[in-house]
């Protein structure tokens, strides 16, 4: 039992930051998801709960309370891809693309960036194609609390082994992040475009890259026309626009919405 209110049913997920269980509210009989973390990681859970509090009432963001009990969903976009034998219909891909960008626009409007956009972090419920963005453990504000301006770009340098640490999931972060730049709004959106390409094709071209260096090289060399083959040319325009966007510029969300 959690706080004499939620009875754990079974474990439904796990990750670097803890475990997720389905649970039943003993007072209302509602089935929800409960996120638990080791004591040493409670700061991460507190951080995620604080972010979700700031983002409350945004369509596409799960409801939650102070115990990190959130809406229970059935499947991720990765599962959706598997169900469609790794080729989600174009019409559905476009519907998902618009939802993803609308959610991110609203999150950014609240002053936050997610920093780990990938198929596993978008969820739906059976019989409903409405998307919800989850896992805000890496999220942060992009506005400096003292200056009230956009945070400065603190470029990371390579370590003794020539590697640059990144925030996010390597397959989906932008080339900007691979190059050591801090993630910003543009990078959430570039990652979203990689998610769109994944849904369309069932994989990304660099999935089987032997090394991180090979992965980064492929990202930088691949033509957007290949990534979005099968979608309108406007998707290439969106990707090119985002790739050229300076670190701290506000993305033109209206342009993106019009071209999805």
C-alpha atoms as a PDB file:
ATOM      1  CA  UNK A   1       0.000   0.000   0.000  1.00  0.00           C
ATOM      2  CA  UNK A   2       1.120   3.563  -0.750  1.00  0.00           C
ATOM      3  CA  UNK A   3      -0.067   6.115   1.833  1.00  0.00           C
ATOM      4  CA  UNK A   4      -2.943   3.785   2.771  1.00  0.00           C
ATOM      5  CA  UNK A   5      -4.585   4.773  -0.489  1.00  0.00           C
ATOM      6  CA  UNK A   6      -3.011   2.993  -3.455  1.00  0.00           C
ATOM      7  CA  UNK A   7      -2.622  -0.778  -3.580  1.00  0.00           C
ATOM      8  CA  UNK A   8       0.112  -1.898  -5.965  1.00  0.00           C
ATOM      9  CA  UNK A   9      -1.011  -4.444  -8.558  1.00  0.00           C
ATOM     10  CA  UNK A  10       2.032  -5.242 -10.694  1.00  0.00           C
ATOM     11  CA  UNK A  11       5.182  -3.722 -12.096  1.00  0.00           C
ATOM     12  CA  UNK A  12       4.615  -2.356 -15.610  1.00  0.00           C
ATOM     13  CA  UNK A  13       7.859  -0.537 -16.317  1.00  0.00           C
ATOM     14  CA  UNK A  14      11.324   0.353 -15.129  1.00  0.00           C
ATOM     15  CA  UNK A  15      14.213   2.592 -16.022  1.00  0.00           C
ATOM     16  CA  UNK A  16      17.245   4.448 -14.771  1.00  0.00           C
ATOM     17  CA  UNK A  17      15.142   6.528 -12.383  1.00  0.00           C
ATOM     18  CA  UNK A  18      12.983   3.838 -10.774  1.00  0.00           C
ATOM     19  CA  UNK A  19      10.008   1.523 -11.166  1.00  0.00           C
ATOM     20  CA  UNK A  20       6.439   2.056 -12.357  1.00  0.00           C
ATOM     21  CA  UNK A  21       3.547  -0.018 -11.012  1.00  0.00           C
ATOM     22  CA  UNK A  22      -0.123  -0.196 -11.828  1.00  0.00           C
ATOM     23  CA  UNK A  23      -2.143   0.419  -8.676  1.00  0.00           C
ATOM     24  CA  UNK A  24      -5.735   0.678  -7.512  1.00  0.00           C
ATOM     25  CA  UNK A  25      -7.136   3.550  -5.476  1.00  0.00           C
ATOM     26  CA  UNK A  26      -8.847   1.689  -2.617  1.00  0.00           C
ATOM     27  CA  UNK A  27     -11.277   4.586  -2.122  1.00  0.00           C
ATOM     28  CA  UNK A  28     -12.429   5.126  -5.716  1.00  0.00           C
ATOM     29  CA  UNK A  29     -11.407   1.833  -7.399  1.00  0.00           C
ATOM     30  CA  UNK A  30      -9.553   3.912 -10.065  1.00  0.00           C
ATOM     31  CA  UNK A  31      -6.549   2.174 -11.665  1.00  0.00           C
ATOM     32  CA  UNK A  32      -3.536   4.457 -11.950  1.00  0.00           C
ATOM     33  CA  UNK A  33       0.256   4.338 -12.392  1.00  0.00           C
ATOM     34  CA  UNK A  34       2.572   4.855  -9.415  1.00  0.00           C
ATOM     35  CA  UNK A  35       6.191   5.844  -9.919  1.00  0.00           C
ATOM     36  CA  UNK A  36       8.610   4.733  -7.194  1.00  0.00           C
ATOM     37  CA  UNK A  37      12.308   5.436  -6.820  1.00  0.00           C
ATOM     38  CA  UNK A  38      15.100   4.352  -4.467  1.00  0.00           C
ATOM     39  CA  UNK A  39      15.650   6.676  -1.517  1.00  0.00           C
ATOM     40  CA  UNK A  40      18.876   7.951  -3.053  1.00  0.00           C
ATOM     41  CA  UNK A  41      16.948   9.193  -6.083  1.00  0.00           C
ATOM     42  CA  UNK A  42      14.052  10.974  -4.379  1.00  0.00           C
ATOM     43  CA  UNK A  43      15.408  14.317  -5.579  1.00  0.00           C
ATOM     44  CA  UNK A  44      14.726  13.189  -9.152  1.00  0.00           C
ATOM     45  CA  UNK A  45      11.158  12.229  -8.326  1.00  0.00           C
ATOM     46  CA  UNK A  46      10.615  15.517  -6.502  1.00  0.00           C
ATOM     47  CA  UNK A  47      11.993  17.364  -9.541  1.00  0.00           C
ATOM     48  CA  UNK A  48       9.682  15.548 -11.946  1.00  0.00           C
ATOM     49  CA  UNK A  49       6.665  16.149  -9.721  1.00  0.00           C
ATOM     50  CA  UNK A  50       7.534  19.850  -9.555  1.00  0.00           C
ATOM     51  CA  UNK A  51       7.791  20.071 -13.351  1.00  0.00           C
ATOM     52  CA  UNK A  52       4.437  18.336 -13.804  1.00  0.00           C
ATOM     53  CA  UNK A  53       2.893  20.747 -11.304  1.00  0.00           C
ATOM     54  CA  UNK A  54       4.023  23.670 -13.474  1.00  0.00           C
ATOM     55  CA  UNK A  55       2.666  21.936 -16.588  1.00  0.00           C
ATOM     56  CA  UNK A  56      -0.709  21.006 -15.128  1.00  0.00           C
ATOM     57  CA  UNK A  57      -3.787  21.499 -17.310  1.00  0.00           C
ATOM     58  CA  UNK A  58      -1.830  21.249 -20.575  1.00  0.00           C
ATOM     59  CA  UNK A  59      -3.529  18.806 -22.994  1.00  0.00           C
ATOM     60  CA  UNK A  60      -1.204  15.864 -23.487  1.00  0.00           C
ATOM     61  CA  UNK A  61       0.385  16.041 -20.014  1.00  0.00           C
ATOM     62  CA  UNK A  62      -0.703  13.347 -17.517  1.00  0.00           C
ATOM     63  CA  UNK A  63      -2.635  14.327 -14.402  1.00  0.00           C
ATOM     64  CA  UNK A  64      -0.746  13.654 -11.176  1.00  0.00           C
ATOM     65  CA  UNK A  65      -0.660  14.414  -7.483  1.00  0.00           C
ATOM     66  CA  UNK A  66       2.048  14.889  -4.889  1.00  0.00           C
ATOM     67  CA  UNK A  67       2.609  11.151  -4.514  1.00  0.00           C
ATOM     68  CA  UNK A  68       3.563  10.869  -8.210  1.00  0.00           C
ATOM     69  CA  UNK A  69       0.437   8.919  -9.006  1.00  0.00           C
ATOM     70  CA  UNK A  70      -0.314   9.596 -12.661  1.00  0.00           C
ATOM     71  CA  UNK A  71      -2.760   8.550 -15.350  1.00  0.00           C
ATOM     72  CA  UNK A  72      -2.303   4.943 -16.443  1.00  0.00           C
ATOM     73  CA  UNK A  73      -1.769   4.419 -20.171  1.00  0.00           C
ATOM     74  CA  UNK A  74      -1.711   1.282 -22.277  1.00  0.00           C
ATOM     75  CA  UNK A  75       1.126   1.667 -24.765  1.00  0.00           C
ATOM     76  CA  UNK A  76       3.930   3.849 -26.040  1.00  0.00           C
ATOM     77  CA  UNK A  77       4.506   5.062 -29.576  1.00  0.00           C
ATOM     78  CA  UNK A  78       7.174   2.391 -29.824  1.00  0.00           C
ATOM     79  CA  UNK A  79       4.479  -0.214 -29.136  1.00  0.00           C
ATOM     80  CA  UNK A  80       2.247   1.441 -31.741  1.00  0.00           C
ATOM     81  CA  UNK A  81       5.071   1.025 -34.266  1.00  0.00           C
ATOM     82  CA  UNK A  82       5.379  -2.673 -33.434  1.00  0.00           C
ATOM     83  CA  UNK A  83       1.621  -3.167 -33.745  1.00  0.00           C
ATOM     84  CA  UNK A  84       1.735  -1.721 -37.267  1.00  0.00           C
ATOM     85  CA  UNK A  85       4.661  -3.983 -38.151  1.00  0.00           C
ATOM     86  CA  UNK A  86       6.993  -0.966 -38.021  1.00  0.00           C
ATOM     87  CA  UNK A  87       5.114   1.007 -40.683  1.00  0.00           C
ATOM     88  CA  UNK A  88       2.520   3.291 -39.109  1.00  0.00           C
ATOM     89  CA  UNK A  89       0.078   4.609 -41.768  1.00  0.00           C
ATOM     90  CA  UNK A  90       1.032   8.047 -43.072  1.00  0.00           C
ATOM     91  CA  UNK A  91      -2.271   9.621 -42.003  1.00  0.00           C
ATOM     92  CA  UNK A  92      -1.730   8.442 -38.420  1.00  0.00           C
ATOM     93  CA  UNK A  93       1.922   9.546 -38.451  1.00  0.00           C
ATOM     94  CA  UNK A  94       0.809  13.035 -39.483  1.00  0.00           C
ATOM     95  CA  UNK A  95      -1.862  13.103 -36.765  1.00  0.00           C
ATOM     96  CA  UNK A  96       0.716  12.072 -34.167  1.00  0.00           C
ATOM     97  CA  UNK A  97       3.239  14.617 -35.511  1.00  0.00           C
ATOM     98  CA  UNK A  98       0.795  17.473 -34.996  1.00  0.00           C
ATOM     99  CA  UNK A  99      -0.053  16.337 -31.473  1.00  0.00           C
ATOM    100  CA  UNK A 100       3.611  15.976 -30.537  1.00  0.00           C
ATOM    101  CA  UNK A 101       4.426  19.478 -31.730  1.00  0.00           C
ATOM    102  CA  UNK A 102       1.358  20.956 -30.019  1.00  0.00           C
ATOM    103  CA  UNK A 103       2.323  19.350 -26.710  1.00  0.00           C
ATOM    104  CA  UNK A 104       5.907  20.583 -26.984  1.00  0.00           C
ATOM    105  CA  UNK A 105       4.752  24.069 -27.911  1.00  0.00           C
ATOM    106  CA  UNK A 106       2.644  24.179 -24.737  1.00  0.00           C
ATOM    107  CA  UNK A 107       5.484  22.807 -22.592  1.00  0.00           C
ATOM    108  CA  UNK A 108       7.881  25.397 -24.028  1.00  0.00           C
ATOM    109  CA  UNK A 109       5.327  28.149 -23.477  1.00  0.00           C
ATOM    110  CA  UNK A 110       5.431  27.266 -19.768  1.00  0.00           C
ATOM    111  CA  UNK A 111       9.216  27.778 -19.789  1.00  0.00           C
ATOM    112  CA  UNK A 112      10.360  24.140 -19.858  1.00  0.00           C
ATOM    113  CA  UNK A 113      12.196  21.866 -22.250  1.00  0.00           C
ATOM    114  CA  UNK A 114      11.785  18.084 -21.963  1.00  0.00           C
ATOM    115  CA  UNK A 115      15.288  17.018 -23.139  1.00  0.00           C
ATOM    116  CA  UNK A 116      14.425  13.332 -23.715  1.00  0.00           C
ATOM    117  CA  UNK A 117      11.933  13.198 -26.575  1.00  0.00           C
ATOM    118  CA  UNK A 118      11.614   9.639 -27.933  1.00  0.00           C
ATOM    119  CA  UNK A 119       8.813   7.170 -28.831  1.00  0.00           C
ATOM    120  CA  UNK A 120       8.932   5.533 -25.402  1.00  0.00           C
ATOM    121  CA  UNK A 121       7.970   8.829 -23.757  1.00  0.00           C
ATOM    122  CA  UNK A 122       4.711   9.290 -25.666  1.00  0.00           C
ATOM    123  CA  UNK A 123       1.804   7.143 -24.544  1.00  0.00           C
ATOM    124  CA  UNK A 124      -1.798   6.450 -25.560  1.00  0.00           C
ATOM    125  CA  UNK A 125      -4.767   4.526 -24.276  1.00  0.00           C
ATOM    126  CA  UNK A 126      -6.376   1.647 -26.182  1.00  0.00           C
ATOM    127  CA  UNK A 127      -8.963   2.826 -28.676  1.00  0.00           C
ATOM    128  CA  UNK A 128      -7.779   6.429 -28.438  1.00  0.00           C
ATOM    129  CA  UNK A 129      -5.007   8.041 -30.493  1.00  0.00           C
ATOM    130  CA  UNK A 130      -4.616  10.964 -28.082  1.00  0.00           C
ATOM    131  CA  UNK A 131      -0.961  11.307 -27.068  1.00  0.00           C
ATOM    132  CA  UNK A 132       0.472  12.081 -23.637  1.00  0.00           C
ATOM    133  CA  UNK A 133       4.081  13.079 -22.932  1.00  0.00           C
ATOM    134  CA  UNK A 134       5.653  11.417 -19.889  1.00  0.00           C
ATOM    135  CA  UNK A 135       8.945  11.200 -17.968  1.00  0.00           C
ATOM    136  CA  UNK A 136      10.008  14.712 -17.050  1.00  0.00           C
ATOM    137  CA  UNK A 137      13.014  13.561 -15.008  1.00  0.00           C
ATOM    138  CA  UNK A 138      15.439  15.380 -17.327  1.00  0.00           C
ATOM    139  CA  UNK A 139      13.243  18.426 -17.938  1.00  0.00           C
ATOM    140  CA  UNK A 140      14.470  21.886 -16.967  1.00  0.00           C
ATOM    141  CA  UNK A 141      13.605  25.526 -17.448  1.00  0.00           C
ATOM    142  CA  UNK A 142      15.353  27.389 -20.253  1.00  0.00           C
ATOM    143  CA  UNK A 143      14.894  30.802 -18.600  1.00  0.00           C
ATOM    144  CA  UNK A 144      17.559  31.951 -16.129  1.00  0.00           C
ATOM    145  CA  UNK A 145      15.847  32.644 -12.802  1.00  0.00           C
ATOM    146  CA  UNK A 146      18.052  35.659 -12.083  1.00  0.00           C
ATOM    147  CA  UNK A 147      18.357  37.396 -15.453  1.00  0.00           C
ATOM    148  CA  UNK A 148      14.935  36.256 -16.774  1.00  0.00           C
ATOM    149  CA  UNK A 149      16.693  35.743 -20.116  1.00  0.00           C
ATOM    150  CA  UNK A 150      17.335  32.522 -22.016  1.00  0.00           C
ATOM    151  CA  UNK A 151      19.982  30.382 -20.334  1.00  0.00           C
ATOM    152  CA  UNK A 152      23.449  30.739 -21.811  1.00  0.00           C
ATOM    153  CA  UNK A 153      24.726  27.904 -23.983  1.00  0.00           C
ATOM    154  CA  UNK A 154      27.466  26.213 -21.961  1.00  0.00           C
ATOM    155  CA  UNK A 155      29.185  24.125 -24.609  1.00  0.00           C
ATOM    156  CA  UNK A 156      30.574  20.838 -23.306  1.00  0.00           C
ATOM    157  CA  UNK A 157      34.027  19.707 -24.384  1.00  0.00           C
ATOM    158  CA  UNK A 158      35.272  16.189 -25.019  1.00  0.00           C
ATOM    159  CA  UNK A 159      36.835  14.178 -22.200  1.00  0.00           C
ATOM    160  CA  UNK A 160      40.194  12.403 -22.308  1.00  0.00           C
ATOM    161  CA  UNK A 161      38.659   9.669 -24.474  1.00  0.00           C
ATOM    162  CA  UNK A 162      37.299  12.196 -26.949  1.00  0.00           C
ATOM    163  CA  UNK A 163      33.680  11.700 -25.841  1.00  0.00           C
ATOM    164  CA  UNK A 164      31.148  14.424 -25.092  1.00  0.00           C
ATOM    165  CA  UNK A 165      28.504  13.671 -22.468  1.00  0.00           C
ATOM    166  CA  UNK A 166      24.973  14.339 -23.660  1.00  0.00           C
ATOM    167  CA  UNK A 167      21.591  14.845 -22.057  1.00  0.00           C
ATOM    168  CA  UNK A 168      18.902  12.627 -23.563  1.00  0.00           C
ATOM    169  CA  UNK A 169      18.816   9.435 -25.625  1.00  0.00           C
ATOM    170  CA  UNK A 170      21.560   9.194 -28.236  1.00  0.00           C
ATOM    171  CA  UNK A 171      19.340   7.865 -31.039  1.00  0.00           C
ATOM    172  CA  UNK A 172      17.016  10.875 -30.829  1.00  0.00           C
ATOM    173  CA  UNK A 173      19.045  13.886 -29.678  1.00  0.00           C
ATOM    174  CA  UNK A 174      19.987  16.482 -32.275  1.00  0.00           C
ATOM    175  CA  UNK A 175      23.435  16.966 -33.777  1.00  0.00           C
ATOM    176  CA  UNK A 176      23.617  20.177 -31.762  1.00  0.00           C
ATOM    177  CA  UNK A 177      23.568  18.154 -28.552  1.00  0.00           C
ATOM    178  CA  UNK A 178      26.117  15.665 -29.891  1.00  0.00           C
ATOM    179  CA  UNK A 179      28.390  18.641 -30.559  1.00  0.00           C
ATOM    180  CA  UNK A 180      28.262  19.609 -26.888  1.00  0.00           C
ATOM    181  CA  UNK A 181      25.585  22.289 -26.966  1.00  0.00           C
ATOM    182  CA  UNK A 182      23.033  22.513 -24.197  1.00  0.00           C
ATOM    183  CA  UNK A 183      19.629  21.259 -25.370  1.00  0.00           C
ATOM    184  CA  UNK A 184      17.142  24.034 -26.135  1.00  0.00           C
ATOM    185  CA  UNK A 185      13.649  24.292 -27.606  1.00  0.00           C
ATOM    186  CA  UNK A 186      14.877  23.628 -31.149  1.00  0.00           C
ATOM    187  CA  UNK A 187      16.425  20.359 -29.972  1.00  0.00           C
ATOM    188  CA  UNK A 188      13.189  19.050 -28.437  1.00  0.00           C
ATOM    189  CA  UNK A 189      11.580  19.710 -31.837  1.00  0.00           C
ATOM    190  CA  UNK A 190      14.380  18.094 -33.850  1.00  0.00           C
ATOM    191  CA  UNK A 191      14.085  15.011 -31.639  1.00  0.00           C
ATOM    192  CA  UNK A 192      10.342  15.060 -32.340  1.00  0.00           C
ATOM    193  CA  UNK A 193      11.062  14.990 -36.074  1.00  0.00           C
ATOM    194  CA  UNK A 194      13.258  11.931 -35.550  1.00  0.00           C
ATOM    195  CA  UNK A 195      10.313  10.314 -33.725  1.00  0.00           C
ATOM    196  CA  UNK A 196       8.126  11.072 -36.762  1.00  0.00           C
ATOM    197  CA  UNK A 197      10.681   9.431 -39.072  1.00  0.00           C
ATOM    198  CA  UNK A 198      10.854   6.405 -36.773  1.00  0.00           C
ATOM    199  CA  UNK A 199       7.066   5.983 -36.847  1.00  0.00           C
ATOM    200  CA  UNK A 200       7.042   6.208 -40.633  1.00  0.00           C
ATOM    201  CA  UNK A 201       9.791   3.641 -41.198  1.00  0.00           C
ATOM    202  CA  UNK A 202       9.976   1.560 -38.013  1.00  0.00           C
ATOM    203  CA  UNK A 203      13.632   2.407 -37.455  1.00  0.00           C
ATOM    204  CA  UNK A 204      16.153   5.193 -37.805  1.00  0.00           C
ATOM    205  CA  UNK A 205      19.018   4.843 -40.316  1.00  0.00           C
ATOM    206  CA  UNK A 206      21.636   4.867 -37.553  1.00  0.00           C
ATOM    207  CA  UNK A 207      19.972   2.166 -35.431  1.00  0.00           C
ATOM    208  CA  UNK A 208      22.735  -0.363 -36.082  1.00  0.00           C
ATOM    209  CA  UNK A 209      25.644   2.065 -35.866  1.00  0.00           C
ATOM    210  CA  UNK A 210      28.595   0.257 -34.302  1.00  0.00           C
ATOM    211  CA  UNK A 211      29.847   3.337 -32.471  1.00  0.00           C
ATOM    212  CA  UNK A 212      28.506   6.654 -31.278  1.00  0.00           C
ATOM    213  CA  UNK A 213      30.880   8.362 -33.706  1.00  0.00           C
ATOM    214  CA  UNK A 214      29.265   6.506 -36.608  1.00  0.00           C
ATOM    215  CA  UNK A 215      25.806   7.432 -35.361  1.00  0.00           C
ATOM    216  CA  UNK A 216      26.687  11.128 -35.187  1.00  0.00           C
ATOM    217  CA  UNK A 217      28.297  11.038 -38.631  1.00  0.00           C
ATOM    218  CA  UNK A 218      25.167   9.473 -40.148  1.00  0.00           C
ATOM    219  CA  UNK A 219      22.916  12.071 -38.506  1.00  0.00           C
ATOM    220  CA  UNK A 220      24.977  14.870 -39.980  1.00  0.00           C
ATOM    221  CA  UNK A 221      25.241  13.408 -43.461  1.00  0.00           C
ATOM    222  CA  UNK A 222      21.795  11.959 -44.104  1.00  0.00           C
ATOM    223  CA  UNK A 223      19.500  13.957 -46.364  1.00  0.00           C
ATOM    224  CA  UNK A 224      16.180  15.052 -44.800  1.00  0.00           C
ATOM    225  CA  UNK A 225      14.493  13.877 -48.017  1.00  0.00           C
ATOM    226  CA  UNK A 226      15.469  10.339 -47.009  1.00  0.00           C
ATOM    227  CA  UNK A 227      14.315  10.694 -43.408  1.00  0.00           C
ATOM    228  CA  UNK A 228      10.847  11.889 -44.433  1.00  0.00           C
ATOM    229  CA  UNK A 229      10.340  10.009 -47.686  1.00  0.00           C
ATOM    230  CA  UNK A 230       6.622   9.268 -47.928  1.00  0.00           C
ATOM    231  CA  UNK A 231       5.560  12.438 -46.137  1.00  0.00           C
ATOM    232  CA  UNK A 232       4.838  15.832 -47.762  1.00  0.00           C
ATOM    233  CA  UNK A 233       7.871  17.895 -48.761  1.00  0.00           C
ATOM    234  CA  UNK A 234       6.901  20.359 -46.047  1.00  0.00           C
ATOM    235  CA  UNK A 235       8.334  17.961 -43.448  1.00  0.00           C
ATOM    236  CA  UNK A 236      11.747  18.451 -45.047  1.00  0.00           C
ATOM    237  CA  UNK A 237      11.158  22.210 -44.836  1.00  0.00           C
ATOM    238  CA  UNK A 238      10.375  21.927 -41.128  1.00  0.00           C
ATOM    239  CA  UNK A 239      13.486  19.873 -40.434  1.00  0.00           C
ATOM    240  CA  UNK A 240      15.721  22.238 -42.393  1.00  0.00           C
ATOM    241  CA  UNK A 241      14.214  25.205 -40.561  1.00  0.00           C
ATOM    242  CA  UNK A 242      14.818  23.623 -37.135  1.00  0.00           C
ATOM    243  CA  UNK A 243      18.359  22.592 -38.082  1.00  0.00           C
ATOM    244  CA  UNK A 244      19.209  26.199 -38.940  1.00  0.00           C
ATOM    245  CA  UNK A 245      17.599  27.708 -35.836  1.00  0.00           C
ATOM    246  CA  UNK A 246      20.005  29.434 -33.403  1.00  0.00           C
ATOM    247  CA  UNK A 247      20.312  28.044 -29.879  1.00  0.00           C
ATOM    248  CA  UNK A 248      18.108  30.547 -28.065  1.00  0.00           C
ATOM    249  CA  UNK A 249      15.639  31.574 -30.779  1.00  0.00           C
ATOM    250  CA  UNK A 250      11.936  31.010 -30.232  1.00  0.00           C
ATOM    251  CA  UNK A 251      10.765  28.446 -32.807  1.00  0.00           C
ATOM    252  CA  UNK A 252       8.027  29.486 -35.206  1.00  0.00           C
ATOM    253  CA  UNK A 253       5.421  27.003 -33.997  1.00  0.00           C
ATOM    254  CA  UNK A 254       2.750  28.396 -36.313  1.00  0.00           C
ATOM    255  CA  UNK A 255       4.994  27.619 -39.296  1.00  0.00           C
ATOM    256  CA  UNK A 256       5.500  24.086 -37.999  1.00  0.00           C
ATOM    257  CA  UNK A 257       1.773  23.485 -37.421  1.00  0.00           C
ATOM    258  CA  UNK A 258       0.903  24.755 -40.899  1.00  0.00           C
ATOM    259  CA  UNK A 259       3.324  22.380 -42.559  1.00  0.00           C
ATOM    260  CA  UNK A 260       2.565  19.148 -40.714  1.00  0.00           C
END
